[in-house]
Full PDB file with SEQRES, HELIX, SHEET, SSBOND, CRYST1, ORIGX, SCALE, CONECT and MASTER records, all heavy atoms in Angstrom:
SEQRES   1 A   38  GLU ALA VAL THR ARG TYR VAL ARG GLU GLU PHE ASN ARG          
SEQRES   2 A   38  ALA ASP ARG LEU ASP GLU GLN ARG ARG GLY THR ILE GLY          
SEQRES   3 A   38  PHE ALA LEU THR VAL LEU GLN ARG ARG LEU ALA SER              
HELIX    1 AA1 ALA A    2  ASP A   15  1                                  14    
HELIX    2 AA2 GLU A   19  ALA A   37  1                                  19    
CRYST1    1.000    1.000    1.000  90.00  90.00  90.00 P 1           1          
ORIGX1      1.000000  0.000000  0.000000        0.00000                         
ORIGX2      0.000000  1.000000  0.000000        0.00000                         
ORIGX3      0.000000  0.000000  1.000000        0.00000                         
SCALE1      1.000000  0.000000  0.000000        0.00000                         
SCALE2      0.000000  1.000000  0.000000        0.00000                         
SCALE3      0.000000  0.000000  1.000000        0.00000                         
ATOM      1  N   GLU A   1      46.485 -47.944  -2.473  1.00  0.00           N  
ATOM      2  CA  GLU A   1      45.609 -48.131  -3.632  1.00  0.00           C  
ATOM      3  C   GLU A   1      44.141 -47.968  -3.241  1.00  0.00           C  
ATOM      4  O   GLU A   1      43.355 -47.363  -3.971  1.00  0.00           O  
ATOM      5  CB  GLU A   1      45.849 -49.513  -4.238  1.00  0.00           C  
ATOM      6  CG  GLU A   1      47.185 -49.671  -4.929  1.00  0.00           C  
ATOM      7  CD  GLU A   1      47.325 -48.728  -6.120  1.00  0.00           C  
ATOM      8  OE1 GLU A   1      46.290 -48.397  -6.745  1.00  0.00           O  
ATOM      9  OE2 GLU A   1      48.449 -48.314  -6.422  1.00  0.00           O  
ATOM     10  N   ALA A   2      43.770 -48.485  -2.077  1.00  0.00           N  
ATOM     11  CA  ALA A   2      42.376 -48.401  -1.645  1.00  0.00           C  
ATOM     12  C   ALA A   2      41.957 -46.958  -1.384  1.00  0.00           C  
ATOM     13  O   ALA A   2      40.874 -46.518  -1.812  1.00  0.00           O  
ATOM     14  CB  ALA A   2      42.168 -49.249  -0.394  1.00  0.00           C  
ATOM     15  N   VAL A   3      42.804 -46.208  -0.693  1.00  0.00           N  
ATOM     16  CA  VAL A   3      42.469 -44.807  -0.398  1.00  0.00           C  
ATOM     17  C   VAL A   3      42.460 -43.984  -1.678  1.00  0.00           C  
ATOM     18  O   VAL A   3      41.588 -43.129  -1.885  1.00  0.00           O  
ATOM     19  CB  VAL A   3      43.460 -44.226   0.631  1.00  0.00           C  
ATOM     20  CG1 VAL A   3      43.219 -42.726   0.810  1.00  0.00           C  
ATOM     21  CG2 VAL A   3      43.322 -44.930   1.959  1.00  0.00           C  
ATOM     22  N   THR A   4      43.412 -44.236  -2.583  1.00  0.00           N  
ATOM     23  CA  THR A   4      43.442 -43.495  -3.855  1.00  0.00           C  
ATOM     24  C   THR A   4      42.183 -43.779  -4.659  1.00  0.00           C  
ATOM     25  O   THR A   4      41.583 -42.857  -5.255  1.00  0.00           O  
ATOM     26  CB  THR A   4      44.697 -43.870  -4.662  1.00  0.00           C  
ATOM     27  OG1 THR A   4      45.859 -43.589  -3.881  1.00  0.00           O  
ATOM     28  CG2 THR A   4      44.764 -43.092  -5.968  1.00  0.00           C  
ATOM     29  N   ARG A   5      41.754 -45.025  -4.683  1.00  0.00           N  
ATOM     30  CA  ARG A   5      40.534 -45.376  -5.407  1.00  0.00           C  
ATOM     31  C   ARG A   5      39.316 -44.685  -4.777  1.00  0.00           C  
ATOM     32  O   ARG A   5      38.444 -44.159  -5.477  1.00  0.00           O  
ATOM     33  CB  ARG A   5      40.364 -46.902  -5.394  1.00  0.00           C  
ATOM     34  CG  ARG A   5      39.175 -47.408  -6.214  1.00  0.00           C  
ATOM     35  CD  ARG A   5      39.248 -48.905  -6.415  1.00  0.00           C  
ATOM     36  NE  ARG A   5      39.314 -49.626  -5.134  1.00  0.00           N  
ATOM     37  CZ  ARG A   5      40.406 -50.236  -4.689  1.00  0.00           C  
ATOM     38  NH1 ARG A   5      41.533 -50.222  -5.396  1.00  0.00           N  
ATOM     39  NH2 ARG A   5      40.398 -50.866  -3.520  1.00  0.00           N  
ATOM     40  N   TYR A   6      39.310 -44.670  -3.450  1.00  0.00           N  
ATOM     41  CA  TYR A   6      38.206 -44.012  -2.740  1.00  0.00           C  
ATOM     42  C   TYR A   6      38.168 -42.518  -3.051  1.00  0.00           C  
ATOM     43  O   TYR A   6      37.111 -41.938  -3.293  1.00  0.00           O  
ATOM     44  CB  TYR A   6      38.378 -44.250  -1.246  1.00  0.00           C  
ATOM     45  CG  TYR A   6      37.458 -43.434  -0.361  1.00  0.00           C  
ATOM     46  CD1 TYR A   6      36.119 -43.760  -0.232  1.00  0.00           C  
ATOM     47  CD2 TYR A   6      37.950 -42.334   0.353  1.00  0.00           C  
ATOM     48  CE1 TYR A   6      35.278 -43.010   0.585  1.00  0.00           C  
ATOM     49  CE2 TYR A   6      37.127 -41.581   1.163  1.00  0.00           C  
ATOM     50  CZ  TYR A   6      35.786 -41.932   1.276  1.00  0.00           C  
ATOM     51  OH  TYR A   6      34.959 -41.199   2.061  1.00  0.00           O  
ATOM     52  N   VAL A   7      39.341 -41.890  -3.076  1.00  0.00           N  
ATOM     53  CA  VAL A   7      39.421 -40.458  -3.367  1.00  0.00           C  
ATOM     54  C   VAL A   7      38.927 -40.166  -4.778  1.00  0.00           C  
ATOM     55  O   VAL A   7      38.165 -39.231  -5.017  1.00  0.00           O  
ATOM     56  CB  VAL A   7      40.865 -39.953  -3.164  1.00  0.00           C  
ATOM     57  CG1 VAL A   7      41.018 -38.542  -3.716  1.00  0.00           C  
ATOM     58  CG2 VAL A   7      41.239 -39.979  -1.687  1.00  0.00           C  
ATOM     59  N   ARG A   8      39.324 -41.008  -5.755  1.00  0.00           N  
ATOM     60  CA  ARG A   8      38.886 -40.787  -7.141  1.00  0.00           C  
ATOM     61  C   ARG A   8      37.374 -40.905  -7.257  1.00  0.00           C  
ATOM     62  O   ARG A   8      36.708 -40.070  -7.899  1.00  0.00           O  
ATOM     63  CB  ARG A   8      39.556 -41.813  -8.058  1.00  0.00           C  
ATOM     64  CG  ARG A   8      41.035 -41.602  -8.303  1.00  0.00           C  
ATOM     65  CD  ARG A   8      41.468 -42.335  -9.563  1.00  0.00           C  
ATOM     66  NE  ARG A   8      42.923 -42.404  -9.663  1.00  0.00           N  
ATOM     67  CZ  ARG A   8      43.648 -43.473  -9.341  1.00  0.00           C  
ATOM     68  NH1 ARG A   8      43.063 -44.564  -8.890  1.00  0.00           N  
ATOM     69  NH2 ARG A   8      44.960 -43.447  -9.469  1.00  0.00           N  
ATOM     70  N   GLU A   9      36.817 -41.925  -6.638  1.00  0.00           N  
ATOM     71  CA  GLU A   9      35.367 -42.125  -6.728  1.00  0.00           C  
ATOM     72  C   GLU A   9      34.606 -40.983  -6.080  1.00  0.00           C  
ATOM     73  O   GLU A   9      33.609 -40.496  -6.616  1.00  0.00           O  
ATOM     74  CB  GLU A   9      35.000 -43.455  -6.069  1.00  0.00           C  
ATOM     75  CG  GLU A   9      35.500 -44.684  -6.822  1.00  0.00           C  
ATOM     76  CD  GLU A   9      35.268 -45.960  -6.047  1.00  0.00           C  
ATOM     77  OE1 GLU A   9      34.769 -45.856  -4.898  1.00  0.00           O  
ATOM     78  OE2 GLU A   9      35.577 -47.046  -6.570  1.00  0.00           O  
ATOM     79  N   GLU A  10      35.080 -40.524  -4.922  1.00  0.00           N  
ATOM     80  CA  GLU A  10      34.391 -39.433  -4.235  1.00  0.00           C  
ATOM     81  C   GLU A  10      34.526 -38.116  -4.989  1.00  0.00           C  
ATOM     82  O   GLU A  10      33.610 -37.289  -5.003  1.00  0.00           O  
ATOM     83  CB  GLU A  10      34.929 -39.299  -2.809  1.00  0.00           C  
ATOM     84  CG  GLU A  10      34.576 -40.469  -1.910  1.00  0.00           C  
ATOM     85  CD  GLU A  10      33.080 -40.639  -1.760  1.00  0.00           C  
ATOM     86  OE1 GLU A  10      32.357 -39.621  -1.674  1.00  0.00           O  
ATOM     87  OE2 GLU A  10      32.601 -41.781  -1.761  1.00  0.00           O  
ATOM     88  N   PHE A  11      35.669 -37.894  -5.646  1.00  0.00           N  
ATOM     89  CA  PHE A  11      35.818 -36.694  -6.459  1.00  0.00           C  
ATOM     90  C   PHE A  11      34.825 -36.715  -7.612  1.00  0.00           C  
ATOM     91  O   PHE A  11      34.231 -35.700  -7.955  1.00  0.00           O  
ATOM     92  CB  PHE A  11      37.250 -36.580  -6.992  1.00  0.00           C  
ATOM     93  CG  PHE A  11      38.126 -35.667  -6.177  1.00  0.00           C  
ATOM     94  CD1 PHE A  11      39.242 -36.150  -5.509  1.00  0.00           C  
ATOM     95  CD2 PHE A  11      37.825 -34.327  -6.068  1.00  0.00           C  
ATOM     96  CE1 PHE A  11      40.031 -35.306  -4.754  1.00  0.00           C  
ATOM     97  CE2 PHE A  11      38.614 -33.476  -5.313  1.00  0.00           C  
ATOM     98  CZ  PHE A  11      39.727 -33.970  -4.651  1.00  0.00           C  
ATOM     99  N   ASN A  12      34.641 -37.878  -8.223  1.00  0.00           N  
ATOM    100  CA  ASN A  12      33.688 -37.980  -9.333  1.00  0.00           C  
ATOM    101  C   ASN A  12      32.271 -37.708  -8.847  1.00  0.00           C  
ATOM    102  O   ASN A  12      31.482 -37.055  -9.539  1.00  0.00           O  
ATOM    103  CB  ASN A  12      33.780 -39.369  -9.973  1.00  0.00           C  
ATOM    104  CG  ASN A  12      35.080 -39.550 -10.736  1.00  0.00           C  
ATOM    105  OD1 ASN A  12      35.669 -38.580 -11.202  1.00  0.00           O  
ATOM    106  ND2 ASN A  12      35.533 -40.800 -10.858  1.00  0.00           N  
ATOM    107  N   ARG A  13      31.961 -38.197  -7.656  1.00  0.00           N  
ATOM    108  CA  ARG A  13      30.631 -37.920  -7.095  1.00  0.00           C  
ATOM    109  C   ARG A  13      30.488 -36.430  -6.788  1.00  0.00           C  
ATOM    110  O   ARG A  13      29.433 -35.842  -7.000  1.00  0.00           O  
ATOM    111  CB  ARG A  13      30.426 -38.724  -5.813  1.00  0.00           C  
ATOM    112  CG  ARG A  13      30.229 -40.218  -6.044  1.00  0.00           C  
ATOM    113  CD  ARG A  13      30.034 -40.922  -4.723  1.00  0.00           C  
ATOM    114  NE  ARG A  13      28.950 -40.317  -3.959  1.00  0.00           N  
ATOM    115  CZ  ARG A  13      28.733 -40.554  -2.663  1.00  0.00           C  
ATOM    116  NH1 ARG A  13      29.551 -41.372  -2.010  1.00  0.00           N  
ATOM    117  NH2 ARG A  13      27.736 -39.987  -2.045  1.00  0.00           N  
ATOM    118  N   ALA A  14      31.542 -35.810  -6.283  1.00  0.00           N  
ATOM    119  CA  ALA A  14      31.484 -34.392  -5.939  1.00  0.00           C  
ATOM    120  C   ALA A  14      31.256 -33.533  -7.168  1.00  0.00           C  
ATOM    121  O   ALA A  14      30.597 -32.487  -7.101  1.00  0.00           O  
ATOM    122  CB  ALA A  14      32.776 -33.976  -5.240  1.00  0.00           C  
ATOM    123  N   ASP A  15      31.794 -33.939  -8.320  1.00  0.00           N  
ATOM    124  CA  ASP A  15      31.621 -33.161  -9.545  1.00  0.00           C  
ATOM    125  C   ASP A  15      30.168 -33.056  -9.951  1.00  0.00           C  
ATOM    126  O   ASP A  15      29.770 -32.132 -10.666  1.00  0.00           O  
ATOM    127  CB  ASP A  15      32.438 -33.780 -10.685  1.00  0.00           C  
ATOM    128  CG  ASP A  15      33.929 -33.501 -10.533  1.00  0.00           C  
ATOM    129  OD1 ASP A  15      34.255 -32.547  -9.811  1.00  0.00           O  
ATOM    130  OD2 ASP A  15      34.730 -34.246 -11.120  1.00  0.00           O  
ATOM    131  N   ARG A  16      29.347 -34.003  -9.501  1.00  0.00           N  
ATOM    132  CA  ARG A  16      27.933 -33.989  -9.883  1.00  0.00           C  
ATOM    133  C   ARG A  16      27.087 -33.161  -8.930  1.00  0.00           C  
ATOM    134  O   ARG A  16      25.903 -32.955  -9.153  1.00  0.00           O  
ATOM    135  CB  ARG A  16      27.406 -35.428  -9.929  1.00  0.00           C  
ATOM    136  CG  ARG A  16      28.051 -36.263 -11.026  1.00  0.00           C  
ATOM    137  CD  ARG A  16      27.303 -37.572 -11.236  1.00  0.00           C  
ATOM    138  NE  ARG A  16      27.434 -38.465 -10.087  1.00  0.00           N  
ATOM    139  CZ  ARG A  16      28.421 -39.359  -9.948  1.00  0.00           C  
ATOM    140  NH1 ARG A  16      29.339 -39.476 -10.900  1.00  0.00           N  
ATOM    141  NH2 ARG A  16      28.466 -40.142  -8.895  1.00  0.00           N  
ATOM    142  N   LEU A  17      27.678 -32.692  -7.846  1.00  0.00           N  
ATOM    143  CA  LEU A  17      26.950 -31.875  -6.886  1.00  0.00           C  
ATOM    144  C   LEU A  17      27.020 -30.401  -7.262  1.00  0.00           C  
ATOM    145  O   LEU A  17      27.704 -30.012  -8.207  1.00  0.00           O  
ATOM    146  CB  LEU A  17      27.540 -32.079  -5.482  1.00  0.00           C  
ATOM    147  CG  LEU A  17      27.479 -33.526  -4.938  1.00  0.00           C  
ATOM    148  CD1 LEU A  17      28.213 -33.600  -3.616  1.00  0.00           C  
ATOM    149  CD2 LEU A  17      26.040 -33.986  -4.777  1.00  0.00           C  
ATOM    150  N   ASP A  18      26.305 -29.554  -6.489  1.00  0.00           N  
ATOM    151  CA  ASP A  18      26.368 -28.118  -6.745  1.00  0.00           C  
ATOM    152  C   ASP A  18      27.758 -27.607  -6.406  1.00  0.00           C  
ATOM    153  O   ASP A  18      28.538 -28.276  -5.733  1.00  0.00           O  
ATOM    154  CB  ASP A  18      25.304 -27.378  -5.918  1.00  0.00           C  
ATOM    155  CG  ASP A  18      25.549 -27.536  -4.432  1.00  0.00           C  
ATOM    156  OD1 ASP A  18      26.262 -26.711  -3.864  1.00  0.00           O  
ATOM    157  OD2 ASP A  18      25.025 -28.532  -3.859  1.00  0.00           O  
ATOM    158  N   GLU A  19      28.071 -26.375  -6.839  1.00  0.00           N  
ATOM    159  CA  GLU A  19      29.433 -25.850  -6.745  1.00  0.00           C  
ATOM    160  C   GLU A  19      29.922 -25.748  -5.311  1.00  0.00           C  
ATOM    161  O   GLU A  19      31.055 -26.089  -5.000  1.00  0.00           O  
ATOM    162  CB  GLU A  19      29.510 -24.483  -7.422  1.00  0.00           C  
ATOM    163  CG  GLU A  19      30.912 -23.882  -7.444  1.00  0.00           C  
ATOM    164  CD  GLU A  19      30.955 -22.564  -8.181  1.00  0.00           C  
ATOM    165  OE1 GLU A  19      29.949 -22.207  -8.814  1.00  0.00           O  
ATOM    166  OE2 GLU A  19      31.999 -21.900  -8.117  1.00  0.00           O  
ATOM    167  N   GLN A  20      29.036 -25.288  -4.403  1.00  0.00           N  
ATOM    168  CA  GLN A  20      29.461 -25.120  -3.021  1.00  0.00           C  
ATOM    169  C   GLN A  20      29.796 -26.465  -2.380  1.00  0.00           C  
ATOM    170  O   GLN A  20      30.831 -26.625  -1.733  1.00  0.00           O  
ATOM    171  CB  GLN A  20      28.372 -24.414  -2.220  1.00  0.00           C  
ATOM    172  CG  GLN A  20      28.775 -24.155  -0.761  1.00  0.00           C  
ATOM    173  CD  GLN A  20      27.707 -23.387  -0.012  1.00  0.00           C  
ATOM    174  OE1 GLN A  20      26.694 -23.032  -0.601  1.00  0.00           O  
ATOM    175  NE2 GLN A  20      27.925 -23.147   1.255  1.00  0.00           N  
ATOM    176  N   ARG A  21      28.946 -27.456  -2.563  1.00  0.00           N  
ATOM    177  CA  ARG A  21      29.199 -28.774  -1.994  1.00  0.00           C  
ATOM    178  C   ARG A  21      30.427 -29.411  -2.620  1.00  0.00           C  
ATOM    179  O   ARG A  21      31.212 -30.074  -1.963  1.00  0.00           O  
ATOM    180  CB  ARG A  21      27.978 -29.673  -2.223  1.00  0.00           C  
ATOM    181  CG  ARG A  21      26.783 -29.303  -1.382  1.00  0.00           C  
ATOM    182  CD  ARG A  21      26.889 -29.907  -0.015  1.00  0.00           C  
ATOM    183  NE  ARG A  21      26.840 -31.365  -0.082  1.00  0.00           N  
ATOM    184  CZ  ARG A  21      27.225 -32.153   0.902  1.00  0.00           C  
ATOM    185  NH1 ARG A  21      27.734 -31.635   1.990  1.00  0.00           N  
ATOM    186  NH2 ARG A  21      27.147 -33.469   0.794  1.00  0.00           N  
ATOM    187  N   ARG A  22      30.618 -29.181  -3.916  1.00  0.00           N  
ATOM    188  CA  ARG A  22      31.749 -29.769  -4.608  1.00  0.00           C  
ATOM    189  C   ARG A  22      33.061 -29.245  -4.027  1.00  0.00           C  
ATOM    190  O   ARG A  22      34.009 -29.998  -3.815  1.00  0.00           O  
ATOM    191  CB  ARG A  22      31.656 -29.464  -6.102  1.00  0.00           C  
ATOM    192  CG  ARG A  22      32.739 -30.153  -6.929  1.00  0.00           C  
ATOM    193  CD  ARG A  22      32.388 -30.172  -8.401  1.00  0.00           C  
ATOM    194  NE  ARG A  22      32.255 -28.845  -8.955  1.00  0.00           N  
ATOM    195  CZ  ARG A  22      31.104 -28.352  -9.444  1.00  0.00           C  
ATOM    196  NH1 ARG A  22      29.987 -29.090  -9.430  1.00  0.00           N  
ATOM    197  NH2 ARG A  22      31.052 -27.129  -9.942  1.00  0.00           N  
ATOM    198  N   GLY A  23      33.117 -27.954  -3.730  1.00  0.00           N  
ATOM    199  CA  GLY A  23      34.328 -27.381  -3.148  1.00  0.00           C  
ATOM    200  C   GLY A  23      34.613 -27.929  -1.764  1.00  0.00           C  
ATOM    201  O   GLY A  23      35.758 -28.213  -1.417  1.00  0.00           O  
ATOM    202  N   THR A  24      33.549 -28.118  -0.949  1.00  0.00           N  
ATOM    203  CA  THR A  24      33.735 -28.636   0.404  1.00  0.00           C  
ATOM    204  C   THR A  24      34.267 -30.063   0.388  1.00  0.00           C  
ATOM    205  O   THR A  24      35.220 -30.405   1.091  1.00  0.00           O  
ATOM    206  CB  THR A  24      32.403 -28.587   1.171  1.00  0.00           C  
ATOM    207  OG1 THR A  24      31.910 -27.239   1.166  1.00  0.00           O  
ATOM    208  CG2 THR A  24      32.585 -29.058   2.602  1.00  0.00           C  
ATOM    209  N   ILE A  25      33.642 -30.912  -0.444  1.00  0.00           N  
ATOM    210  CA  ILE A  25      34.074 -32.303  -0.517  1.00  0.00           C  
ATOM    211  C   ILE A  25      35.472 -32.397  -1.109  1.00  0.00           C  
ATOM    212  O   ILE A  25      36.317 -33.176  -0.645  1.00  0.00           O  
ATOM    213  CB  ILE A  25      33.069 -33.136  -1.344  1.00  0.00           C  
ATOM    214  CG1 ILE A  25      31.725 -33.183  -0.609  1.00  0.00           C  
ATOM    215  CG2 ILE A  25      33.594 -34.541  -1.583  1.00  0.00           C  
ATOM    216  CD1 ILE A  25      30.642 -33.899  -1.364  1.00  0.00           C  
ATOM    217  N   GLY A  26      35.740 -31.581  -2.130  1.00  0.00           N  
ATOM    218  CA  GLY A  26      37.059 -31.600  -2.740  1.00  0.00           C  
ATOM    219  C   GLY A  26      38.153 -31.249  -1.745  1.00  0.00           C  
ATOM    220  O   GLY A  26      39.214 -31.891  -1.717  1.00  0.00           O  
ATOM    221  N   PHE A  27      37.872 -30.266  -0.881  1.00  0.00           N  
ATOM    222  CA  PHE A  27      38.857 -29.884   0.129  1.00  0.00           C  
ATOM    223  C   PHE A  27      39.073 -31.022   1.129  1.00  0.00           C  
ATOM    224  O   PHE A  27      40.208 -31.353   1.488  1.00  0.00           O  
ATOM    225  CB  PHE A  27      38.388 -28.627   0.864  1.00  0.00           C  
ATOM    226  CG  PHE A  27      39.269 -28.226   2.016  1.00  0.00           C  
ATOM    227  CD1 PHE A  27      40.491 -27.620   1.791  1.00  0.00           C  
ATOM    228  CD2 PHE A  27      38.870 -28.463   3.326  1.00  0.00           C  
ATOM    229  CE1 PHE A  27      41.312 -27.263   2.845  1.00  0.00           C  
ATOM    230  CE2 PHE A  27      39.680 -28.108   4.383  1.00  0.00           C  
ATOM    231  CZ  PHE A  27      40.907 -27.499   4.138  1.00  0.00           C  
ATOM    232  N   ALA A  28      37.973 -31.653   1.560  1.00  0.00           N  
ATOM    233  CA  ALA A  28      38.091 -32.742   2.535  1.00  0.00           C  
ATOM    234  C   ALA A  28      38.885 -33.909   1.960  1.00  0.00           C  
ATOM    235  O   ALA A  28      39.723 -34.508   2.647  1.00  0.00           O  
ATOM    236  CB  ALA A  28      36.696 -33.202   2.957  1.00  0.00           C  
ATOM    237  N   LEU A  29      38.645 -34.221   0.703  1.00  0.00           N  
ATOM    238  CA  LEU A  29      39.352 -35.335   0.098  1.00  0.00           C  
ATOM    239  C   LEU A  29      40.830 -35.021  -0.126  1.00  0.00           C  
ATOM    240  O   LEU A  29      41.685 -35.901  -0.030  1.00  0.00           O  
ATOM    241  CB  LEU A  29      38.673 -35.710  -1.225  1.00  0.00           C  
ATOM    242  CG  LEU A  29      37.260 -36.289  -1.074  1.00  0.00           C  
ATOM    243  CD1 LEU A  29      36.645 -36.524  -2.440  1.00  0.00           C  
ATOM    244  CD2 LEU A  29      37.278 -37.572  -0.274  1.00  0.00           C  
ATOM    245  N   THR A  30      41.130 -33.752  -0.422  1.00  0.00           N  
ATOM    246  CA  THR A  30      42.534 -33.362  -0.572  1.00  0.00           C  
ATOM    247  C   THR A  30      43.279 -33.531   0.745  1.00  0.00           C  
ATOM    248  O   THR A  30      44.411 -34.030   0.785  1.00  0.00           O  
ATOM    249  CB  THR A  30      42.629 -31.898  -1.038  1.00  0.00           C  
ATOM    250  OG1 THR A  30      41.963 -31.772  -2.304  1.00  0.00           O  
ATOM    251  CG2 THR A  30      44.079 -31.478  -1.201  1.00  0.00           C  
ATOM    252  N   VAL A  31      42.624 -33.139   1.841  1.00  0.00           N  
ATOM    253  CA  VAL A  31      43.232 -33.326   3.164  1.00  0.00           C  
ATOM    254  C   VAL A  31      43.461 -34.806   3.437  1.00  0.00           C  
ATOM    255  O   VAL A  31      44.511 -35.217   3.958  1.00  0.00           O  
ATOM    256  CB  VAL A  31      42.336 -32.703   4.249  1.00  0.00           C  
ATOM    257  CG1 VAL A  31      42.834 -33.080   5.644  1.00  0.00           C  
ATOM    258  CG2 VAL A  31      42.274 -31.192   4.104  1.00  0.00           C  
ATOM    259  N   LEU A  32      42.480 -35.636   3.047  1.00  0.00           N  
ATOM    260  CA  LEU A  32      42.596 -37.069   3.280  1.00  0.00           C  
ATOM    261  C   LEU A  32      43.787 -37.659   2.521  1.00  0.00           C  
ATOM    262  O   LEU A  32      44.533 -38.491   3.042  1.00  0.00           O  
ATOM    263  CB  LEU A  32      41.298 -37.756   2.854  1.00  0.00           C  
ATOM    264  CG  LEU A  32      41.064 -39.177   3.377  1.00  0.00           C  
ATOM    265  CD1 LEU A  32      40.999 -39.189   4.895  1.00  0.00           C  
ATOM    266  CD2 LEU A  32      39.788 -39.752   2.781  1.00  0.00           C  
ATOM    267  N   GLN A  33      43.971 -37.209   1.292  1.00  0.00           N  
ATOM    268  CA  GLN A  33      45.081 -37.721   0.496  1.00  0.00           C  
ATOM    269  C   GLN A  33      46.425 -37.271   1.083  1.00  0.00           C  
ATOM    270  O   GLN A  33      47.415 -38.013   1.044  1.00  0.00           O  
ATOM    271  CB  GLN A  33      44.932 -37.252  -0.950  1.00  0.00           C  
ATOM    272  CG  GLN A  33      45.654 -38.132  -1.949  1.00  0.00           C  
ATOM    273  CD  GLN A  33      45.205 -37.872  -3.362  1.00  0.00           C  
ATOM    274  OE1 GLN A  33      44.874 -36.736  -3.718  1.00  0.00           O  
ATOM    275  NE2 GLN A  33      45.183 -38.918  -4.180  1.00  0.00           N  
ATOM    276  N   ARG A  34      46.468 -36.070   1.624  1.00  0.00           N  
ATOM    277  CA  ARG A  34      47.706 -35.613   2.265  1.00  0.00           C  
ATOM    278  C   ARG A  34      48.006 -36.422   3.518  1.00  0.00           C  
ATOM    279  O   ARG A  34      49.166 -36.694   3.836  1.00  0.00           O  
ATOM    280  CB  ARG A  34      47.603 -34.131   2.607  1.00  0.00           C  
ATOM    281  CG  ARG A  34      47.661 -33.213   1.387  1.00  0.00           C  
ATOM    282  CD  ARG A  34      47.562 -31.764   1.787  1.00  0.00           C  
ATOM    283  NE  ARG A  34      47.677 -30.881   0.637  1.00  0.00           N  
ATOM    284  CZ  ARG A  34      47.549 -29.565   0.686  1.00  0.00           C  
ATOM    285  NH1 ARG A  34      47.315 -28.968   1.846  1.00  0.00           N  
ATOM    286  NH2 ARG A  34      47.660 -28.825  -0.398  1.00  0.00           N  
ATOM    287  N   ARG A  35      46.955 -36.798   4.232  1.00  0.00           N  
ATOM    288  CA  ARG A  35      47.167 -37.633   5.417  1.00  0.00           C  
ATOM    289  C   ARG A  35      47.736 -38.990   5.017  1.00  0.00           C  
ATOM    290  O   ARG A  35      48.564 -39.554   5.715  1.00  0.00           O  
ATOM    291  CB  ARG A  35      45.839 -37.822   6.160  1.00  0.00           C  
ATOM    292  CG  ARG A  35      45.251 -36.548   6.724  1.00  0.00           C  
ATOM    293  CD  ARG A  35      45.865 -36.200   8.040  1.00  0.00           C  
ATOM    294  NE  ARG A  35      45.385 -37.054   9.117  1.00  0.00           N  
ATOM    295  CZ  ARG A  35      45.878 -37.030  10.343  1.00  0.00           C  
ATOM    296  NH1 ARG A  35      46.864 -36.205  10.643  1.00  0.00           N  
ATOM    297  NH2 ARG A  35      45.406 -37.818  11.286  1.00  0.00           N  
ATOM    298  N   LEU A  36      47.289 -39.484   3.870  1.00  0.00           N  
ATOM    299  CA  LEU A  36      47.813 -40.746   3.370  1.00  0.00           C  
ATOM    300  C   LEU A  36      49.304 -40.639   3.081  1.00  0.00           C  
ATOM    301  O   LEU A  36      50.093 -41.526   3.408  1.00  0.00           O  
ATOM    302  CB  LEU A  36      47.056 -41.159   2.105  1.00  0.00           C  
ATOM    303  CG  LEU A  36      47.600 -42.371   1.343  1.00  0.00           C  
ATOM    304  CD1 LEU A  36      47.479 -43.623   2.198  1.00  0.00           C  
ATOM    305  CD2 LEU A  36      46.863 -42.544   0.020  1.00  0.00           C  
ATOM    306  N   ALA A  37      49.705 -39.524   2.450  1.00  0.00           N  
ATOM    307  CA  ALA A  37      51.112 -39.316   2.134  1.00  0.00           C  
ATOM    308  C   ALA A  37      51.946 -39.099   3.383  1.00  0.00           C  
ATOM    309  O   ALA A  37      53.154 -39.348   3.393  1.00  0.00           O  
ATOM    310  CB  ALA A  37      51.267 -38.127   1.183  1.00  0.00           C  
ATOM    311  N   SER A  38      51.312 -38.637   4.477  1.00  0.00           N  
ATOM    312  CA  SER A  38      52.054 -38.366   5.710  1.00  0.00           C  
ATOM    313  C   SER A  38      52.560 -39.655   6.342  1.00  0.00           C  
ATOM    314  O   SER A  38      53.751 -39.830   6.558  1.00  0.00           O  
ATOM    315  CB  SER A  38      51.164 -37.604   6.687  1.00  0.00           C  
ATOM    316  OG  SER A  38      51.799 -37.444   7.935  1.00  0.00           O  
TER     317      SER A  38                                                      
MASTER        0    0    0    2    0    0    0    6  316    1    0    3          
END                                                                             
């Protein structure tokens, strides 16, 4: 629950950034969520 909440909050923050930064953060957070599932 803590990691999922963290991922949601960071995705929302990434949406407010420019397109290039948003893609980088989105990719990093996706990797983080996959590590959680691992």
